[in-house]
Amino acid sequence: MAIKFALRTRVMMGSGCRTGISTEARALGVRKALVVTDKALVNCGLVGRVLEKIEPSALTYILFDEVTPDPTLNTVDRGGELARQAGCDVIVAVGGGSPIDAAKAISIAATNPGSCAAYEGINKYGNPPLPVFAVPTTVGTGSEVTFGAVLTNAGTNSKFIVYGDDLAPVVAFLDPELAVGLPRSVLVPTLMDALTHALESYVSRGSTPQSRALAWFAAQTIVRHAPTAYADTKNLDAMTGLLYAANMAGAAFASSRLGIVHAMALPLGAYFHVPHGMANAVLLPYGLEYNLNDAKDGYAEMARAFGIAGSAKAKDDALALRDAVARFARSLDVPAHLSELGVKEDQIEAMAADAMKSSHIAANPRAIVQADVAALYRKALK
């Protein structure tokens, strides 16, 4: 069976690169943007630091700051309607995974009839989405280069994905000035999300030589820079490294997909509002252990990114990786168990059923049945 590796997004990098939004707008021939973000980023001034660099002669804009963590279907539908009514021809996303995912979904809602709920799945919409410019302000999502958007249907208490071959942003602006000073409460979940992207995509059934190269280097870069960034979030070099690593990990899993950790993380957000990155952070050591026998060669290779010298047996190196990841998470004050995040036993079976609907299940290196997922939730809960 053929596998693929694809990138659609042009990535601009470096301090101050957000000034290039005007140039890219002129090159694309767009004139009016819907700026998609959240109120917290507006209030702290980050959005203003982006908008002040846009030349009015190149691009006018309307601000849509209604995005919340785990963006909802209703929010996306409202944003799409606003973009249509205002005649916007481009979406500019400013923020982490929630604003960028919302922006991608809004780009579909703006050009296609009805609710975005109708476009759940792969390439289900008929009209091309509006182009998206993405300006990430965290160090974990990778959404600025991926082809999907995760949405929450509040009516059914579930998450779903819209995906399209033309849904990845047209341009991403990786400006580390916008990540400097990131609160630890955001830094840790997002960098652990990026690390999970790297580790899961490396051993995914859909991995390619290109995705593995990106994933391995992303993991190494995260391990190198995370301690410094955690100690001093204003360290420009460390935050730059993490921002670029998150982008590489996103580019890796955009083609390869992920695995059991991400499949299990999504219901935790829907049922208990656990931040996506923190759900991944807690589950990651348990997912590594679950896949140990089936992915031991890949884990042994990834162990080198953690500075593990290696032994004669791949399984020993894989075990060392599992332990190193657990220690790494503890060094960043990541909880060891889901119960510390408010997760309750009574929803495990329902979450396991929802996790099995994820496309990441089929990409996991070890076969998964629902009972396995429920058992792993229980193991991680205690």
Protein backbone atom coordinates (compact mmCIF):
# COMPACT_ATOMS: atom_id res chain seq x y z
CA MET A 1 0.00 0.00 0.00
CA ALA A 2 1.32 3.43 -0.91
CA ILE A 3 2.03 5.97 1.81
CA LYS A 4 2.44 9.69 1.30
CA PHE A 5 4.21 12.72 2.66
CA ALA A 6 2.77 16.14 1.87
CA LEU A 7 3.33 19.75 2.86
CA ARG A 8 1.17 22.61 1.62
CA THR A 9 2.22 25.46 3.89
CA ARG A 10 4.98 27.95 3.21
CA VAL A 11 6.72 28.58 6.54
CA MET A 12 8.22 31.97 7.39
CA MET A 13 10.56 31.95 10.40
CA GLY A 14 12.44 34.40 12.58
CA SER A 15 11.95 37.22 15.04
CA GLY A 16 9.63 39.81 13.56
CA CYS A 17 8.58 37.67 10.60
CA ARG A 18 4.93 38.60 11.30
CA THR A 19 5.67 41.80 9.40
CA GLY A 20 5.48 39.66 6.26
CA ILE A 21 1.70 39.25 6.47
CA SER A 22 1.19 42.31 4.28
CA THR A 23 3.63 41.07 1.65
CA GLU A 24 2.00 37.65 1.56
CA ALA A 25 -1.48 39.20 1.29
CA ARG A 26 -0.40 41.24 -1.72
CA ALA A 27 1.19 38.20 -3.33
CA LEU A 28 -1.96 36.16 -2.85
CA GLY A 29 -4.22 38.98 -4.02
CA VAL A 30 -6.41 39.04 -0.90
CA ARG A 31 -7.70 42.29 0.59
CA LYS A 32 -9.91 41.63 3.63
CA ALA A 33 -9.22 39.28 6.54
CA LEU A 34 -11.20 37.75 9.33
CA VAL A 35 -8.75 37.64 12.24
CA VAL A 36 -9.59 34.59 14.36
CA THR A 37 -8.32 34.49 17.93
CA ASP A 38 -9.48 34.47 21.55
CA LYS A 39 -10.19 37.23 24.05
CA ALA A 40 -7.28 36.36 26.34
CA LEU A 41 -4.79 36.95 23.52
CA VAL A 42 -6.49 40.23 22.67
CA ASN A 43 -6.43 41.37 26.29
CA CYS A 44 -2.76 40.51 26.83
CA GLY A 45 -1.77 42.49 23.73
CA LEU A 46 -0.42 39.65 21.58
CA VAL A 47 -3.02 40.11 18.88
CA GLY A 48 -2.29 43.82 18.78
CA ARG A 49 1.39 43.07 18.22
CA VAL A 50 0.40 41.16 15.08
CA LEU A 51 -2.22 43.57 13.80
CA GLU A 52 -0.03 46.66 14.21
CA LYS A 53 2.35 45.21 11.63
CA ILE A 54 -0.32 44.83 8.94
CA GLU A 55 -0.30 47.64 6.40
CA PRO A 56 -3.85 48.99 5.85
CA SER A 57 -3.10 49.45 2.17
CA ALA A 58 -2.40 45.71 1.90
CA LEU A 59 -5.07 44.19 4.11
CA THR A 60 -8.05 45.36 6.11
CA TYR A 61 -9.53 43.11 8.78
CA ILE A 62 -12.41 42.28 11.10
CA LEU A 63 -11.65 40.83 14.53
CA PHE A 64 -13.38 37.60 15.61
CA ASP A 65 -12.22 36.82 19.15
CA GLU A 66 -14.87 34.32 20.24
CA VAL A 67 -12.71 31.18 20.14
CA THR A 68 -12.51 29.20 23.38
CA PRO A 69 -10.38 26.16 24.30
CA ASP A 70 -11.71 23.14 22.40
CA PRO A 71 -13.45 25.33 19.78
CA THR A 72 -17.10 24.54 19.33
CA LEU A 73 -19.17 23.96 16.25
CA ASN A 74 -21.36 26.95 17.07
CA THR A 75 -18.35 29.26 17.25
CA VAL A 76 -17.09 28.06 13.88
CA ASP A 77 -20.48 28.47 12.24
CA ARG A 78 -20.77 32.04 13.58
CA GLY A 79 -17.29 32.86 12.31
CA GLY A 80 -18.09 31.47 8.88
CA GLU A 81 -21.26 33.52 8.65
CA LEU A 82 -19.39 36.69 9.68
CA ALA A 83 -16.70 36.06 7.06
CA ARG A 84 -19.36 35.62 4.37
CA GLN A 85 -21.33 38.72 5.34
CA ALA A 86 -18.20 40.88 5.54
CA GLY A 87 -16.80 39.65 2.24
CA CYS A 88 -13.56 38.35 3.74
CA ASP A 89 -11.26 36.56 1.33
CA VAL A 90 -8.62 35.33 3.80
CA ILE A 91 -8.52 34.13 7.41
CA VAL A 92 -5.68 35.17 9.73
CA ALA A 93 -5.38 32.91 12.78
CA VAL A 94 -3.49 34.18 15.84
CA GLY A 95 -2.99 31.85 18.78
CA GLY A 96 -2.50 28.24 19.70
CA GLY A 97 -4.21 25.13 18.46
CA SER A 98 -7.74 26.25 19.28
CA PRO A 99 -7.70 29.51 17.26
CA ILE A 100 -5.83 27.91 14.37
CA ASP A 101 -8.14 24.89 14.23
CA ALA A 102 -11.15 27.20 14.49
CA ALA A 103 -9.78 29.35 11.67
CA LYS A 104 -9.35 26.36 9.38
CA ALA A 105 -12.90 25.21 10.07
CA ILE A 106 -14.21 28.77 9.57
CA SER A 107 -12.47 28.83 6.20
CA ILE A 108 -14.72 25.91 5.21
CA ALA A 109 -17.85 27.34 6.79
CA ALA A 110 -17.34 30.61 4.95
CA THR A 111 -17.50 29.01 1.50
CA ASN A 112 -19.84 26.06 1.99
CA PRO A 113 -23.53 25.94 2.87
CA GLY A 114 -24.99 24.95 6.21
CA SER A 115 -23.22 23.99 9.40
CA CYS A 116 -19.63 22.77 9.50
CA ALA A 117 -21.01 19.62 11.14
CA ALA A 118 -21.93 18.43 7.65
CA TYR A 119 -18.25 18.29 6.71
CA GLU A 120 -16.99 15.90 9.38
CA GLY A 121 -14.50 13.49 7.88
CA ILE A 122 -12.08 13.69 4.95
CA ASN A 123 -12.68 16.00 1.96
CA LYS A 124 -16.43 16.19 2.61
CA TYR A 125 -16.88 19.84 1.58
CA GLY A 126 -17.45 20.83 -2.05
CA ASN A 127 -16.16 24.40 -2.31
CA PRO A 128 -12.52 25.30 -1.65
CA PRO A 129 -11.96 26.93 1.76
CA LEU A 130 -10.70 30.46 2.14
CA PRO A 131 -6.90 30.68 2.40
CA VAL A 132 -5.55 30.80 5.95
CA PHE A 133 -2.52 32.62 7.35
CA ALA A 134 -1.49 31.11 10.71
CA VAL A 135 0.49 32.91 13.41
CA PRO A 136 1.13 30.44 16.26
CA THR A 137 1.74 31.86 19.73
CA THR A 138 2.40 28.57 21.56
CA VAL A 139 5.03 25.86 21.16
CA GLY A 140 3.00 22.75 20.58
CA THR A 141 0.09 22.60 18.24
CA GLY A 142 1.58 22.13 14.78
CA SER A 143 -1.85 23.09 13.46
CA GLU A 144 -0.24 25.77 11.31
CA VAL A 145 0.92 23.06 8.89
CA THR A 146 -1.67 20.28 9.29
CA PHE A 147 -4.70 19.43 7.15
CA GLY A 148 -7.32 18.91 9.87
CA ALA A 149 -9.24 20.81 12.53
CA VAL A 150 -10.61 19.33 15.75
CA LEU A 151 -13.98 20.71 16.82
CA THR A 152 -16.29 20.09 19.78
CA ASN A 153 -19.99 19.44 19.32
CA ALA A 154 -21.39 20.71 22.61
CA GLY A 155 -24.75 19.13 21.84
CA THR A 156 -23.33 15.61 21.74
CA ASN A 157 -20.40 16.17 24.12
CA SER A 158 -17.99 14.83 21.52
CA LYS A 159 -15.10 15.93 19.34
CA PHE A 160 -14.85 15.46 15.61
CA ILE A 161 -12.44 16.29 12.81
CA VAL A 162 -12.84 18.08 9.52
CA TYR A 163 -10.01 17.34 7.12
CA GLY A 164 -9.13 18.44 3.62
CA ASP A 165 -6.19 18.19 1.25
CA ASP A 166 -6.43 21.97 0.77
CA LEU A 167 -7.20 22.86 4.41
CA ALA A 168 -3.66 23.42 5.69
CA PRO A 169 -2.77 27.12 6.02
CA VAL A 170 -1.20 28.73 2.98
CA VAL A 171 1.44 30.54 5.05
CA ALA A 172 2.62 30.10 8.65
CA PHE A 173 4.57 32.81 10.46
CA LEU A 174 6.81 31.36 13.19
CA ASP A 175 7.71 34.50 15.11
CA PRO A 176 9.37 33.58 18.43
CA GLU A 177 8.82 37.09 19.76
CA LEU A 178 5.18 36.09 20.21
CA ALA A 179 6.07 32.99 22.26
CA VAL A 180 8.55 34.62 24.63
CA GLY A 181 7.06 34.92 28.10
CA LEU A 182 4.51 32.17 27.54
CA PRO A 183 3.04 31.18 30.94
CA ARG A 184 4.20 27.81 32.21
CA SER A 185 0.57 26.72 32.33
CA VAL A 186 0.58 27.00 28.52
CA LEU A 187 4.24 26.20 27.87
CA VAL A 188 4.21 22.74 29.44
CA PRO A 189 1.06 21.31 27.81
CA THR A 190 2.01 22.65 24.39
CA LEU A 191 5.61 21.43 24.37
CA MET A 192 4.44 18.03 25.65
CA ASP A 193 1.85 17.99 22.86
CA ALA A 194 4.65 18.56 20.36
CA LEU A 195 6.77 15.82 21.94
CA THR A 196 3.82 13.44 21.70
CA HIS A 197 3.40 14.36 18.03
CA ALA A 198 7.06 13.50 17.45
CA LEU A 199 7.08 10.20 19.34
CA GLU A 200 3.77 8.92 17.98
CA SER A 201 4.36 9.95 14.36
CA TYR A 202 7.82 8.32 14.38
CA VAL A 203 6.36 4.84 14.88
CA SER A 204 3.01 5.39 13.16
CA ARG A 205 1.97 2.93 10.48
CA GLY A 206 1.80 5.92 8.13
CA SER A 207 5.30 7.21 8.83
CA THR A 208 7.69 7.95 5.98
CA PRO A 209 11.43 8.66 5.83
CA GLN A 210 10.62 12.36 5.68
CA SER A 211 8.22 12.33 8.62
CA ARG A 212 10.61 10.27 10.74
CA ALA A 213 13.48 12.67 10.09
CA LEU A 214 11.35 15.62 11.15
CA ALA A 215 9.95 13.81 14.19
CA TRP A 216 13.35 12.69 15.44
CA PHE A 217 14.89 16.15 15.15
CA ALA A 218 11.82 17.74 16.74
CA ALA A 219 12.08 15.43 19.76
CA GLN A 220 15.79 16.10 20.17
CA THR A 221 15.20 19.86 19.97
CA ILE A 222 12.40 19.75 22.54
CA VAL A 223 14.52 17.74 24.98
CA ARG A 224 17.39 20.19 24.55
CA HIS A 225 15.44 23.42 24.99
CA ALA A 226 12.58 22.54 27.37
CA PRO A 227 14.56 22.75 30.63
CA THR A 228 15.87 26.23 29.79
CA ALA A 229 12.46 27.46 28.64
CA TYR A 230 10.80 26.05 31.77
CA ALA A 231 13.31 27.87 33.97
CA ASP A 232 13.04 31.11 31.96
CA THR A 233 10.20 31.50 29.49
CA LYS A 234 11.75 34.77 28.31
CA ASN A 235 14.80 32.97 26.91
CA LEU A 236 14.51 33.75 23.21
CA ASP A 237 16.83 30.99 22.03
CA ALA A 238 14.98 28.29 23.95
CA MET A 239 11.54 29.48 22.91
CA THR A 240 12.67 29.72 19.29
CA GLY A 241 13.87 26.13 19.40
CA LEU A 242 10.59 24.90 20.86
CA LEU A 243 8.51 26.87 18.34
CA TYR A 244 10.44 25.42 15.41
CA ALA A 245 10.35 21.91 16.91
CA ALA A 246 6.57 22.09 17.28
CA ASN A 247 6.32 23.03 13.62
CA MET A 248 8.53 20.12 12.55
CA ALA A 249 6.52 17.68 14.64
CA GLY A 250 3.33 19.05 13.08
CA ALA A 251 4.75 18.58 9.60
CA ALA A 252 5.63 15.01 10.53
CA PHE A 253 2.22 13.93 11.76
CA ALA A 254 0.34 15.88 9.08
CA SER A 255 1.06 12.92 6.82
CA SER A 256 1.79 10.04 9.19
CA ARG A 257 -1.06 10.47 11.70
CA LEU A 258 -0.47 9.57 15.34
CA GLY A 259 -1.58 6.78 17.68
CA ILE A 260 -3.26 5.63 20.84
CA VAL A 261 -2.22 8.60 22.99
CA HIS A 262 -3.91 11.16 20.77
CA ALA A 263 -6.94 8.96 20.25
CA MET A 264 -7.39 8.79 24.03
CA ALA A 265 -6.62 12.46 24.64
CA LEU A 266 -9.52 13.80 22.56
CA PRO A 267 -12.35 12.41 24.76
CA LEU A 268 -10.63 13.75 27.88
CA GLY A 269 -11.12 17.23 26.47
CA ALA A 270 -14.75 16.62 25.56
CA TYR A 271 -15.80 14.93 28.82
CA PHE A 272 -13.61 16.63 31.42
CA HIS A 273 -12.23 19.71 29.63
CA VAL A 274 -8.67 18.55 30.16
CA PRO A 275 -6.39 20.71 27.98
CA HIS A 276 -5.33 18.67 24.98
CA GLY A 277 -1.61 18.99 25.57
CA MET A 278 -1.90 18.05 29.24
CA ALA A 279 -3.98 15.00 28.37
CA ASN A 280 -1.21 13.90 26.01
CA ALA A 281 1.46 14.66 28.60
CA VAL A 282 -0.10 12.38 31.22
CA LEU A 283 -1.00 9.59 28.78
CA LEU A 284 2.30 9.51 26.85
CA PRO A 285 4.29 7.14 29.13
CA TYR A 286 1.31 4.76 29.26
CA GLY A 287 0.98 4.80 25.48
CA LEU A 288 4.69 4.11 25.06
CA GLU A 289 4.40 1.11 27.34
CA TYR A 290 1.35 -0.20 25.46
CA ASN A 291 3.27 -0.13 22.16
CA LEU A 292 6.56 -1.34 23.59
CA ASN A 293 6.82 -4.71 21.86
CA ASP A 294 5.44 -3.59 18.49
CA ALA A 295 7.43 -0.36 18.23
CA LYS A 296 10.61 -1.26 20.10
CA ASP A 297 12.93 -0.64 17.13
CA GLY A 298 11.52 2.83 16.51
CA TYR A 299 11.57 3.65 20.21
CA ALA A 300 15.17 2.49 20.43
CA GLU A 301 16.07 4.94 17.64
CA MET A 302 14.09 7.72 19.30
CA ALA A 303 15.90 7.02 22.59
CA ARG A 304 18.99 8.65 21.06
CA ALA A 305 17.10 11.94 20.94
CA PHE A 306 16.91 11.70 24.74
CA GLY A 307 20.65 11.12 25.01
CA ILE A 308 20.30 7.41 25.75
CA ALA A 309 23.50 5.80 24.46
CA GLY A 310 21.95 2.53 23.45
CA SER A 311 22.48 -1.14 24.22
CA ALA A 312 22.52 -4.42 22.36
CA LYS A 313 18.77 -4.95 22.79
CA ALA A 314 16.15 -2.70 21.20
CA LYS A 315 13.60 -3.55 23.89
CA ASP A 316 15.95 -2.38 26.64
CA ASP A 317 16.39 0.94 24.82
CA ALA A 318 12.62 1.22 24.34
CA LEU A 319 12.11 0.69 28.07
CA ALA A 320 14.75 3.32 28.75
CA LEU A 321 12.87 5.73 26.49
CA ARG A 322 9.61 5.11 28.34
CA ASP A 323 11.32 5.86 31.65
CA ALA A 324 13.12 8.91 30.26
CA VAL A 325 9.85 10.36 28.97
CA ALA A 326 8.21 9.84 32.36
CA ARG A 327 11.12 11.59 34.10
CA PHE A 328 11.06 14.40 31.54
CA ALA A 329 7.33 14.95 32.20
CA ARG A 330 7.85 14.93 35.98
CA SER A 331 10.65 17.50 35.61
CA LEU A 332 8.04 19.83 34.11
CA ASP A 333 5.57 19.10 36.94
CA VAL A 334 3.22 17.08 34.71
CA PRO A 335 0.85 15.00 36.88
CA ALA A 336 1.45 11.26 36.88
CA HIS A 337 -2.23 10.30 36.82
CA LEU A 338 -5.46 11.43 35.18
CA SER A 339 -7.24 11.62 38.55
CA GLU A 340 -5.09 14.66 39.34
CA LEU A 341 -6.79 16.40 36.39
CA GLY A 342 -10.30 15.67 37.64
CA VAL A 343 -10.97 12.62 35.45
CA LYS A 344 -13.51 10.18 36.91
CA GLU A 345 -13.94 6.44 36.52
CA ASP A 346 -17.62 6.60 35.54
CA GLN A 347 -16.93 7.98 32.04
CA ILE A 348 -14.17 5.57 31.03
CA GLU A 349 -16.31 3.23 28.92
CA ALA A 350 -17.91 6.13 27.05
CA MET A 351 -14.52 7.74 26.44
CA ALA A 352 -13.07 4.45 25.24
CA ALA A 353 -15.90 4.10 22.72
CA ASP A 354 -15.28 7.64 21.47
CA ALA A 355 -11.51 7.10 21.28
CA MET A 356 -12.05 4.12 18.99
CA LYS A 357 -13.64 6.46 16.42
CA SER A 358 -10.36 8.33 15.93
CA SER A 359 -8.40 7.84 12.71
CA HIS A 360 -5.28 7.61 14.88
CA ILE A 361 -6.36 4.14 16.04
CA ALA A 362 -5.59 2.59 12.67
CA ALA A 363 -2.18 4.30 12.56
CA ASN A 364 -1.03 2.95 15.92
CA PRO A 365 1.76 0.36 15.61
CA ARG A 366 -0.08 -2.12 17.85
CA ALA A 367 -3.64 -3.23 17.12
CA ILE A 368 -6.22 -1.73 19.49
CA VAL A 369 -9.64 -2.85 20.67
CA GLN A 370 -11.97 -0.88 22.92
CA ALA A 371 -11.16 -2.98 25.98
CA ASP A 372 -7.50 -2.04 25.59
CA VAL A 373 -8.36 1.65 25.62
CA ALA A 374 -10.57 1.32 28.70
CA ALA A 375 -7.87 -0.62 30.51
CA LEU A 376 -5.26 2.01 29.65
CA TYR A 377 -7.54 4.81 30.90
CA ARG A 378 -7.92 2.94 34.19
CA LYS A 379 -4.19 2.40 34.49
CA ALA A 380 -3.52 6.10 33.88
CA LEU A 381 -6.32 7.18 36.23
CA LYS A 382 -4.85 5.85 39.50
